[in-house]
Every structure is written in structure tokens, then in C-alpha cells.
């Protein structure tokens, strides 16, 4: 709460939220995600870029290989029912060393489902999805205005 020009923070409430610092941001629309990426001097990845980063140069079905392995991602099988730290499932990293390309949260991409539709691709699945639904090649899209507890994003940087 604000007291004059000084911000007073409840230390107990802050410590309750500290564990979320390493979790993906959720409850963001496509517009929120795109605005943040622009502000950060980056962009949302295209669906194709996202899939390449997840599947690697050999086109694996999952980042870790070709078998659906629930222990490698925060999917419904884990029973956690919420987001986890982005580095929790290290054995599920992509060939490029990128974490959480399956599970945890659906991620907005810059690719529109159909030009002018206002629906954008989501990749990676979430803690609410089964591991079979997490394959990076699967298609999913949503209205740009949707925000949910299992929807977030990641930024892509130019090379």
C-alpha cells in the first residue's frame, strides 16, 4: 500500500510470492505478450521458430526424444495443477537447452491462425494438458484477447 510517496510492502505477502519469481508469467493476452516483447526489444517467436527450438535440428517429436515421457514436463500427469519453476524439468530440455517447451504453460506465438482472424498460435501445452497433447508439432490457437492461468509466452531474440 502507498503511504505518501513511500511504498509500504507487507513482508509476509512478499515472501508468499517470492517462489513465483522463476515461474512463467500467466494471465496475459496475446496483446500483452506482444507489447512486452516489443518493450524488451525482442519479439514473440513465430510458430515455426518455436517448433524448431523445441524439436531441434532432427525434428524430434518431443524436445527430449520421440516418446511421451510425463516425468520430463509439467503436464496433467504430474498432478501439480499449477505452474512450476521454468528450470524444474531439466531432463526435458530441447536439443538447444531450452526448458519447458512442453508443459507448464501454453505459449503465445506471433503467427496468426488465418490472416485477419485475430486468433494466434499457442505452443507447448500446459500443466492442464496430457503429455500426448504436449507434442510441439500439434496445432492450437486462441483469440488474442484470451487470458488464462495456463497461458503465457516467451520472447525470441534476433541473432
N, C-alpha and C. Protein backbone atom coordinates (compact mmCIF):
# COMPACT_ATOMS: atom_id res chain seq x y z
N UNK A 1 0.84 -1.18 0.00
CA UNK A 1 0.00 0.00 0.00
C UNK A 1 0.88 1.24 0.00
N UNK A 2 0.34 2.33 -0.50
CA UNK A 2 1.10 3.57 -0.59
C UNK A 2 0.88 4.41 0.67
N UNK A 3 1.95 5.00 1.21
CA UNK A 3 1.89 5.95 2.31
C UNK A 3 2.65 7.18 1.84
N UNK A 4 1.91 8.19 1.39
CA UNK A 4 2.58 9.36 0.85
C UNK A 4 3.37 8.97 -0.37
N UNK A 5 4.67 9.22 -0.37
CA UNK A 5 5.49 8.86 -1.51
C UNK A 5 6.31 7.60 -1.25
N UNK A 6 5.99 6.88 -0.18
CA UNK A 6 6.74 5.68 0.17
C UNK A 6 5.84 4.46 0.01
N UNK A 7 6.34 3.45 -0.62
CA UNK A 7 5.59 2.21 -0.79
C UNK A 7 5.86 1.32 0.41
N UNK A 8 4.79 0.94 1.08
CA UNK A 8 4.91 0.02 2.21
C UNK A 8 4.50 -1.37 1.75
N UNK A 9 5.38 -2.33 1.91
CA UNK A 9 5.12 -3.68 1.45
C UNK A 9 4.94 -4.60 2.64
N UNK A 10 3.91 -5.42 2.58
CA UNK A 10 3.69 -6.40 3.61
C UNK A 10 4.71 -7.52 3.41
N UNK A 11 5.71 -7.67 4.30
CA UNK A 11 6.77 -8.66 4.10
C UNK A 11 6.25 -10.10 4.02
N UNK A 12 5.20 -10.41 4.75
CA UNK A 12 4.65 -11.76 4.70
C UNK A 12 4.08 -12.06 3.33
N UNK A 13 3.36 -11.11 2.75
CA UNK A 13 2.78 -11.29 1.42
C UNK A 13 3.87 -11.40 0.37
N UNK A 14 4.91 -10.60 0.47
CA UNK A 14 6.02 -10.66 -0.48
C UNK A 14 6.68 -12.02 -0.44
N UNK A 15 6.93 -12.57 0.74
CA UNK A 15 7.58 -13.86 0.82
C UNK A 15 6.69 -14.98 0.27
N UNK A 16 5.37 -14.81 0.35
CA UNK A 16 4.45 -15.80 -0.23
C UNK A 16 4.58 -15.84 -1.75
N UNK A 17 4.93 -14.73 -2.37
CA UNK A 17 5.02 -14.63 -3.82
C UNK A 17 6.43 -14.86 -4.35
N UNK A 18 7.44 -14.84 -3.49
CA UNK A 18 8.83 -14.99 -3.93
C UNK A 18 9.05 -16.24 -4.77
N UNK A 19 8.41 -17.33 -4.44
CA UNK A 19 8.62 -18.59 -5.17
C UNK A 19 8.15 -18.50 -6.62
N UNK A 20 7.31 -17.52 -6.94
CA UNK A 20 6.81 -17.36 -8.31
C UNK A 20 7.79 -16.64 -9.23
N UNK A 21 8.87 -16.12 -8.69
CA UNK A 21 9.84 -15.35 -9.49
C UNK A 21 10.44 -16.18 -10.62
N UNK A 22 10.51 -17.48 -10.47
CA UNK A 22 11.09 -18.34 -11.50
C UNK A 22 10.03 -19.10 -12.30
N UNK A 23 8.78 -18.76 -12.10
CA UNK A 23 7.67 -19.37 -12.83
C UNK A 23 7.34 -18.53 -14.07
N UNK A 24 6.72 -19.12 -15.07
CA UNK A 24 6.31 -18.32 -16.22
C UNK A 24 5.19 -17.35 -15.83
N UNK A 25 5.14 -16.23 -16.50
CA UNK A 25 4.06 -15.27 -16.30
C UNK A 25 2.82 -15.82 -16.98
N UNK A 26 1.68 -15.72 -16.32
CA UNK A 26 0.41 -16.21 -16.87
C UNK A 26 -0.63 -15.09 -16.79
N UNK A 27 -1.82 -15.38 -17.26
CA UNK A 27 -2.92 -14.42 -17.31
C UNK A 27 -2.59 -13.26 -18.25
N UNK A 28 -1.91 -13.53 -19.36
CA UNK A 28 -1.58 -12.49 -20.32
C UNK A 28 -2.26 -12.78 -21.66
N UNK A 29 -2.77 -11.75 -22.29
CA UNK A 29 -3.35 -11.88 -23.63
C UNK A 29 -2.21 -11.89 -24.64
N UNK A 30 -2.54 -12.18 -25.89
CA UNK A 30 -1.55 -12.09 -26.96
C UNK A 30 -1.05 -10.65 -27.05
N UNK A 31 -1.95 -9.69 -26.89
CA UNK A 31 -1.58 -8.27 -26.97
C UNK A 31 -0.59 -7.91 -25.85
N UNK A 32 -0.84 -8.41 -24.63
CA UNK A 32 0.09 -8.17 -23.51
C UNK A 32 1.47 -8.74 -23.83
N UNK A 33 1.49 -9.98 -24.32
CA UNK A 33 2.75 -10.65 -24.63
C UNK A 33 3.52 -9.93 -25.73
N UNK A 34 2.82 -9.54 -26.79
CA UNK A 34 3.46 -8.83 -27.90
C UNK A 34 4.00 -7.47 -27.45
N UNK A 35 3.24 -6.77 -26.61
CA UNK A 35 3.68 -5.46 -26.12
C UNK A 35 4.94 -5.60 -25.25
N UNK A 36 4.96 -6.60 -24.40
CA UNK A 36 6.14 -6.81 -23.56
C UNK A 36 7.36 -7.14 -24.42
N UNK A 37 7.18 -8.04 -25.37
CA UNK A 37 8.30 -8.42 -26.25
C UNK A 37 8.86 -7.19 -26.97
N UNK A 38 7.99 -6.35 -27.48
CA UNK A 38 8.42 -5.13 -28.16
C UNK A 38 9.17 -4.22 -27.19
N UNK A 39 8.62 -4.04 -26.00
CA UNK A 39 9.25 -3.21 -24.98
C UNK A 39 10.66 -3.73 -24.66
N UNK A 40 10.81 -5.05 -24.62
CA UNK A 40 12.10 -5.67 -24.29
C UNK A 40 13.07 -5.71 -25.47
N UNK A 41 12.64 -5.20 -26.64
CA UNK A 41 13.50 -5.20 -27.82
C UNK A 41 13.58 -6.57 -28.47
N UNK A 42 12.57 -7.40 -28.24
CA UNK A 42 12.54 -8.75 -28.79
C UNK A 42 11.23 -8.93 -29.54
N UNK A 43 10.84 -10.17 -29.76
CA UNK A 43 9.56 -10.45 -30.42
C UNK A 43 9.02 -11.76 -29.89
N UNK A 44 7.76 -12.01 -30.18
CA UNK A 44 7.23 -13.35 -29.94
C UNK A 44 7.75 -14.21 -31.09
N UNK A 45 8.09 -15.46 -30.82
CA UNK A 45 8.55 -16.31 -31.92
C UNK A 45 7.40 -16.66 -32.85
N UNK A 46 7.71 -16.91 -34.11
CA UNK A 46 6.68 -17.46 -35.00
C UNK A 46 6.44 -18.90 -34.54
N UNK A 47 5.34 -19.49 -34.97
CA UNK A 47 5.07 -20.88 -34.61
C UNK A 47 6.18 -21.79 -35.14
N UNK A 48 6.69 -21.48 -36.31
CA UNK A 48 7.77 -22.28 -36.90
C UNK A 48 9.08 -22.17 -36.11
N UNK A 49 9.43 -20.95 -35.70
CA UNK A 49 10.62 -20.75 -34.88
C UNK A 49 10.48 -21.50 -33.55
N UNK A 50 9.31 -21.37 -32.94
CA UNK A 50 9.06 -22.02 -31.66
C UNK A 50 9.23 -23.54 -31.79
N UNK A 51 8.62 -24.11 -32.83
CA UNK A 51 8.69 -25.55 -33.03
C UNK A 51 10.12 -26.02 -33.29
N UNK A 52 10.88 -25.28 -34.05
CA UNK A 52 12.29 -25.63 -34.32
C UNK A 52 13.08 -25.62 -33.02
N UNK A 53 12.86 -24.60 -32.19
CA UNK A 53 13.56 -24.51 -30.91
C UNK A 53 13.20 -25.68 -30.00
N UNK A 54 11.97 -26.17 -30.10
CA UNK A 54 11.53 -27.29 -29.27
C UNK A 54 12.00 -28.64 -29.79
N UNK A 55 11.94 -28.85 -31.09
CA UNK A 55 12.20 -30.17 -31.67
C UNK A 55 13.64 -30.39 -32.09
N UNK A 56 14.39 -29.31 -32.24
CA UNK A 56 15.79 -29.42 -32.62
C UNK A 56 16.00 -29.70 -34.09
N UNK A 57 17.27 -29.84 -34.49
CA UNK A 57 17.61 -29.99 -35.91
C UNK A 57 17.14 -31.31 -36.53
N UNK A 58 16.89 -32.32 -35.70
CA UNK A 58 16.46 -33.62 -36.23
C UNK A 58 14.94 -33.80 -36.19
N UNK A 59 14.22 -32.80 -35.69
CA UNK A 59 12.76 -32.87 -35.69
C UNK A 59 12.16 -33.91 -34.76
N UNK A 60 12.71 -34.02 -33.57
CA UNK A 60 12.17 -34.96 -32.58
C UNK A 60 10.68 -34.69 -32.36
N UNK A 61 9.95 -35.70 -31.92
CA UNK A 61 8.53 -35.50 -31.61
C UNK A 61 8.39 -34.64 -30.35
N UNK A 62 9.22 -34.89 -29.36
CA UNK A 62 9.26 -34.12 -28.11
C UNK A 62 10.67 -33.56 -27.96
N UNK A 63 10.88 -32.54 -27.17
CA UNK A 63 12.23 -31.99 -27.02
C UNK A 63 13.27 -33.02 -26.59
N UNK A 64 12.88 -33.98 -25.77
CA UNK A 64 13.80 -34.97 -25.23
C UNK A 64 13.93 -36.24 -26.08
N UNK A 65 13.08 -36.41 -27.07
CA UNK A 65 13.12 -37.61 -27.90
C UNK A 65 11.77 -37.87 -28.55
N UNK A 66 11.50 -39.12 -28.86
CA UNK A 66 10.28 -39.44 -29.60
C UNK A 66 9.19 -40.13 -28.79
N UNK A 67 9.41 -40.31 -27.50
CA UNK A 67 8.41 -40.95 -26.64
C UNK A 67 7.81 -39.93 -25.67
N UNK A 68 6.49 -39.99 -25.46
CA UNK A 68 5.85 -39.10 -24.48
C UNK A 68 6.23 -39.55 -23.07
N UNK A 69 7.04 -38.76 -22.40
CA UNK A 69 7.53 -39.12 -21.07
C UNK A 69 7.07 -38.06 -20.08
N UNK A 70 6.04 -38.38 -19.32
CA UNK A 70 5.42 -37.41 -18.41
C UNK A 70 6.39 -36.85 -17.37
N UNK A 71 7.39 -37.60 -16.99
CA UNK A 71 8.34 -37.15 -15.96
C UNK A 71 9.25 -36.03 -16.46
N UNK A 72 9.18 -35.67 -17.74
CA UNK A 72 10.06 -34.66 -18.32
C UNK A 72 9.39 -33.30 -18.52
N UNK A 73 8.12 -33.17 -18.08
CA UNK A 73 7.39 -31.91 -18.30
C UNK A 73 6.28 -31.76 -17.26
N UNK A 74 5.92 -30.54 -16.98
CA UNK A 74 4.82 -30.26 -16.06
C UNK A 74 3.50 -30.36 -16.83
N UNK A 75 3.01 -31.58 -16.95
CA UNK A 75 1.73 -31.83 -17.62
C UNK A 75 0.74 -32.38 -16.59
N UNK A 76 -0.48 -32.64 -17.02
CA UNK A 76 -1.53 -33.09 -16.12
C UNK A 76 -1.13 -34.33 -15.33
N UNK A 77 -0.34 -35.21 -15.93
CA UNK A 77 0.07 -36.44 -15.26
C UNK A 77 0.86 -36.17 -13.98
N UNK A 78 1.54 -35.03 -13.90
CA UNK A 78 2.33 -34.70 -12.71
C UNK A 78 1.43 -34.44 -11.50
N UNK A 79 0.18 -34.02 -11.76
CA UNK A 79 -0.76 -33.76 -10.68
C UNK A 79 -0.45 -32.51 -9.87
N UNK A 80 0.39 -31.64 -10.38
CA UNK A 80 0.77 -30.42 -9.65
C UNK A 80 -0.32 -29.36 -9.75
N UNK A 81 -1.00 -29.31 -10.88
CA UNK A 81 -2.15 -28.42 -11.10
C UNK A 81 -1.84 -26.93 -10.99
N UNK A 82 -0.60 -26.56 -11.28
CA UNK A 82 -0.21 -25.15 -11.32
C UNK A 82 1.14 -25.07 -12.03
N UNK A 83 1.63 -23.87 -12.25
CA UNK A 83 2.93 -23.70 -12.89
C UNK A 83 4.05 -24.13 -11.94
N UNK A 84 5.19 -24.41 -12.53
CA UNK A 84 6.40 -24.73 -11.75
C UNK A 84 7.54 -23.85 -12.24
N UNK A 85 8.63 -23.85 -11.51
CA UNK A 85 9.82 -23.11 -11.91
C UNK A 85 10.23 -23.57 -13.31
N UNK A 86 10.65 -22.64 -14.14
CA UNK A 86 10.97 -22.97 -15.53
C UNK A 86 12.15 -23.93 -15.68
N UNK A 87 12.95 -24.08 -14.66
CA UNK A 87 14.09 -25.00 -14.76
C UNK A 87 13.87 -26.31 -14.00
N UNK A 88 12.67 -26.58 -13.56
CA UNK A 88 12.40 -27.78 -12.77
C UNK A 88 12.64 -29.08 -13.56
N UNK A 89 12.23 -29.10 -14.82
CA UNK A 89 12.31 -30.32 -15.62
C UNK A 89 13.51 -30.27 -16.57
N UNK A 90 14.70 -30.29 -16.02
CA UNK A 90 15.91 -30.14 -16.82
C UNK A 90 16.11 -31.28 -17.81
N UNK A 91 15.66 -32.48 -17.48
CA UNK A 91 15.82 -33.60 -18.40
C UNK A 91 14.88 -33.49 -19.60
N UNK A 92 13.96 -32.54 -19.56
CA UNK A 92 13.04 -32.33 -20.68
C UNK A 92 13.46 -31.18 -21.59
N UNK A 93 14.67 -30.65 -21.41
CA UNK A 93 15.14 -29.53 -22.23
C UNK A 93 15.26 -29.93 -23.70
N UNK A 94 15.12 -28.94 -24.56
CA UNK A 94 15.25 -29.18 -26.00
C UNK A 94 16.72 -29.41 -26.37
N UNK A 95 16.98 -29.86 -27.59
CA UNK A 95 18.38 -30.04 -28.02
C UNK A 95 19.18 -28.74 -27.94
N UNK A 96 18.49 -27.61 -27.92
CA UNK A 96 19.17 -26.32 -27.80
C UNK A 96 19.30 -25.87 -26.35
N UNK A 97 18.88 -26.73 -25.40
CA UNK A 97 18.99 -26.41 -23.98
C UNK A 97 17.88 -25.51 -23.46
N UNK A 98 16.76 -25.45 -24.15
CA UNK A 98 15.65 -24.58 -23.75
C UNK A 98 14.67 -25.39 -22.91
N UNK A 99 14.32 -24.85 -21.74
CA UNK A 99 13.42 -25.53 -20.82
C UNK A 99 11.95 -25.27 -21.14
N UNK A 100 11.11 -26.17 -20.68
CA UNK A 100 9.65 -26.03 -20.71
C UNK A 100 9.05 -25.82 -22.10
N UNK A 101 9.60 -26.50 -23.08
CA UNK A 101 9.00 -26.42 -24.41
C UNK A 101 7.77 -27.33 -24.49
N UNK A 102 7.57 -28.15 -23.48
CA UNK A 102 6.36 -28.96 -23.32
C UNK A 102 5.88 -28.77 -21.88
N UNK A 103 4.61 -28.58 -21.73
CA UNK A 103 4.05 -28.43 -20.39
C UNK A 103 4.26 -27.06 -19.79
N UNK A 104 3.87 -26.91 -18.56
CA UNK A 104 3.89 -25.69 -17.76
C UNK A 104 2.84 -24.70 -18.26
N UNK A 105 3.09 -23.96 -19.35
CA UNK A 105 2.06 -23.05 -19.89
C UNK A 105 2.05 -23.08 -21.42
N UNK A 106 0.86 -22.89 -21.98
CA UNK A 106 0.75 -22.63 -23.41
C UNK A 106 1.47 -21.32 -23.68
N UNK A 107 2.14 -21.21 -24.82
CA UNK A 107 2.91 -20.01 -25.13
C UNK A 107 2.43 -19.36 -26.42
N UNK A 108 2.15 -18.07 -26.32
CA UNK A 108 1.72 -17.30 -27.50
C UNK A 108 2.84 -17.24 -28.52
N UNK A 109 2.47 -17.35 -29.78
CA UNK A 109 3.39 -17.14 -30.91
C UNK A 109 2.88 -15.95 -31.73
N UNK A 110 3.72 -15.41 -32.57
CA UNK A 110 3.32 -14.26 -33.39
C UNK A 110 2.49 -14.67 -34.60
N UNK A 111 2.41 -15.96 -34.88
CA UNK A 111 1.72 -16.46 -36.07
C UNK A 111 0.21 -16.46 -35.88
N UNK A 112 -0.47 -15.76 -36.78
CA UNK A 112 -1.93 -15.73 -36.76
C UNK A 112 -2.47 -16.99 -37.43
N UNK A 113 -3.52 -17.57 -36.86
CA UNK A 113 -4.09 -18.80 -37.41
C UNK A 113 -4.49 -18.63 -38.86
N UNK A 114 -5.27 -17.62 -39.16
CA UNK A 114 -5.61 -17.19 -40.52
C UNK A 114 -5.51 -15.68 -40.53
N UNK A 115 -4.96 -15.12 -41.56
CA UNK A 115 -4.77 -13.68 -41.64
C UNK A 115 -6.07 -12.94 -41.36
N UNK A 116 -6.05 -12.05 -40.39
CA UNK A 116 -7.22 -11.26 -40.03
C UNK A 116 -8.18 -11.93 -39.06
N UNK A 117 -7.87 -13.15 -38.63
CA UNK A 117 -8.78 -13.88 -37.75
C UNK A 117 -8.72 -13.41 -36.29
N UNK A 118 -7.59 -12.79 -35.89
CA UNK A 118 -7.43 -12.38 -34.50
C UNK A 118 -7.16 -13.55 -33.57
N UNK A 119 -6.86 -14.71 -34.14
CA UNK A 119 -6.52 -15.91 -33.38
C UNK A 119 -5.06 -16.24 -33.66
N UNK A 120 -4.31 -16.52 -32.59
CA UNK A 120 -2.88 -16.75 -32.71
C UNK A 120 -2.50 -18.13 -32.19
N UNK A 121 -1.43 -18.67 -32.78
CA UNK A 121 -0.95 -19.99 -32.38
C UNK A 121 -0.47 -19.98 -30.94
N UNK A 122 -0.77 -21.06 -30.25
CA UNK A 122 -0.25 -21.36 -28.92
C UNK A 122 0.54 -22.66 -29.03
N UNK A 123 1.68 -22.72 -28.40
CA UNK A 123 2.53 -23.91 -28.50
C UNK A 123 2.90 -24.42 -27.11
N UNK A 124 3.20 -25.72 -27.04
CA UNK A 124 3.82 -26.31 -25.87
C UNK A 124 2.94 -26.99 -24.84
N UNK A 125 1.68 -26.75 -24.85
CA UNK A 125 0.74 -27.27 -23.87
C UNK A 125 0.98 -26.68 -22.48
N UNK A 126 0.31 -27.23 -21.48
CA UNK A 126 0.36 -26.64 -20.14
C UNK A 126 0.21 -27.73 -19.08
N UNK A 127 0.25 -27.29 -17.84
CA UNK A 127 0.06 -28.21 -16.71
C UNK A 127 -1.33 -28.83 -16.72
N UNK A 128 -2.23 -28.26 -17.50
CA UNK A 128 -3.60 -28.75 -17.61
C UNK A 128 -3.77 -29.79 -18.72
N UNK A 129 -2.73 -30.01 -19.51
CA UNK A 129 -2.80 -30.88 -20.69
C UNK A 129 -2.09 -32.20 -20.45
N UNK A 130 -2.50 -33.24 -21.15
CA UNK A 130 -1.80 -34.51 -21.08
C UNK A 130 -0.48 -34.40 -21.85
N UNK A 131 0.47 -35.29 -21.54
CA UNK A 131 1.77 -35.25 -22.20
C UNK A 131 1.62 -35.52 -23.70
N UNK A 132 0.65 -36.31 -24.11
CA UNK A 132 0.44 -36.56 -25.55
C UNK A 132 0.03 -35.27 -26.26
N UNK A 133 -0.64 -34.39 -25.56
CA UNK A 133 -1.08 -33.10 -26.13
C UNK A 133 0.07 -32.10 -26.19
N UNK A 134 1.21 -32.46 -25.60
CA UNK A 134 2.35 -31.54 -25.50
C UNK A 134 3.29 -31.56 -26.70
N UNK A 135 3.09 -32.46 -27.64
CA UNK A 135 3.99 -32.54 -28.80
C UNK A 135 4.05 -31.17 -29.50
N UNK A 136 5.24 -30.62 -29.69
CA UNK A 136 5.39 -29.28 -30.27
C UNK A 136 4.77 -29.10 -31.66
N UNK A 137 4.59 -30.18 -32.41
CA UNK A 137 4.03 -30.03 -33.75
C UNK A 137 2.51 -29.87 -33.76
N UNK A 138 1.86 -30.15 -32.64
CA UNK A 138 0.40 -30.05 -32.59
C UNK A 138 -0.06 -28.60 -32.71
N UNK A 139 -1.19 -28.43 -33.37
CA UNK A 139 -1.73 -27.09 -33.59
C UNK A 139 -2.72 -26.71 -32.50
N UNK A 140 -2.64 -25.48 -32.07
CA UNK A 140 -3.59 -24.90 -31.13
C UNK A 140 -3.58 -23.40 -31.38
N UNK A 141 -4.72 -22.78 -31.25
CA UNK A 141 -4.82 -21.33 -31.43
C UNK A 141 -5.93 -20.81 -30.54
N UNK A 142 -5.86 -19.53 -30.24
CA UNK A 142 -6.89 -18.90 -29.40
C UNK A 142 -7.03 -17.44 -29.80
N UNK A 143 -8.16 -16.87 -29.42
CA UNK A 143 -8.40 -15.44 -29.65
C UNK A 143 -7.35 -14.63 -28.90
N UNK A 144 -6.89 -13.56 -29.52
CA UNK A 144 -5.83 -12.73 -28.94
C UNK A 144 -6.22 -12.13 -27.59
N UNK A 145 -7.50 -12.08 -27.29
CA UNK A 145 -7.97 -11.48 -26.05
C UNK A 145 -8.04 -12.45 -24.88
N UNK A 146 -7.82 -13.75 -25.14
CA UNK A 146 -7.93 -14.72 -24.05
C UNK A 146 -6.78 -14.56 -23.07
N UNK A 147 -7.10 -14.74 -21.80
CA UNK A 147 -6.06 -14.80 -20.76
C UNK A 147 -6.50 -15.88 -19.79
N UNK A 148 -5.52 -16.68 -19.36
CA UNK A 148 -5.85 -17.81 -18.52
C UNK A 148 -4.67 -18.16 -17.61
N UNK A 149 -4.94 -19.00 -16.62
CA UNK A 149 -3.89 -19.38 -15.67
C UNK A 149 -2.88 -20.36 -16.25
N UNK A 150 -3.12 -20.82 -17.49
CA UNK A 150 -2.18 -21.74 -18.13
C UNK A 150 -1.66 -21.20 -19.46
N UNK A 151 -1.72 -19.89 -19.64
CA UNK A 151 -1.30 -19.28 -20.89
C UNK A 151 -0.28 -18.17 -20.62
N UNK A 152 0.88 -18.27 -21.27
CA UNK A 152 1.96 -17.30 -21.08
C UNK A 152 2.69 -17.08 -22.39
N UNK A 153 3.98 -16.82 -22.33
CA UNK A 153 4.76 -16.56 -23.54
C UNK A 153 6.24 -16.62 -23.23
N UNK A 154 7.04 -16.63 -24.28
CA UNK A 154 8.48 -16.43 -24.17
C UNK A 154 8.88 -15.51 -25.31
N UNK A 155 9.96 -14.81 -25.16
CA UNK A 155 10.44 -13.90 -26.19
C UNK A 155 11.52 -14.57 -27.03
N UNK A 156 11.64 -14.11 -28.25
CA UNK A 156 12.72 -14.55 -29.14
C UNK A 156 13.61 -13.34 -29.41
N UNK A 157 14.90 -13.58 -29.41
CA UNK A 157 15.86 -12.52 -29.70
C UNK A 157 16.43 -12.73 -31.09
N UNK A 158 16.69 -11.65 -31.79
CA UNK A 158 17.32 -11.74 -33.11
C UNK A 158 18.76 -12.22 -32.96
N UNK A 159 19.28 -12.85 -34.00
CA UNK A 159 20.66 -13.34 -33.95
C UNK A 159 21.61 -12.31 -34.49
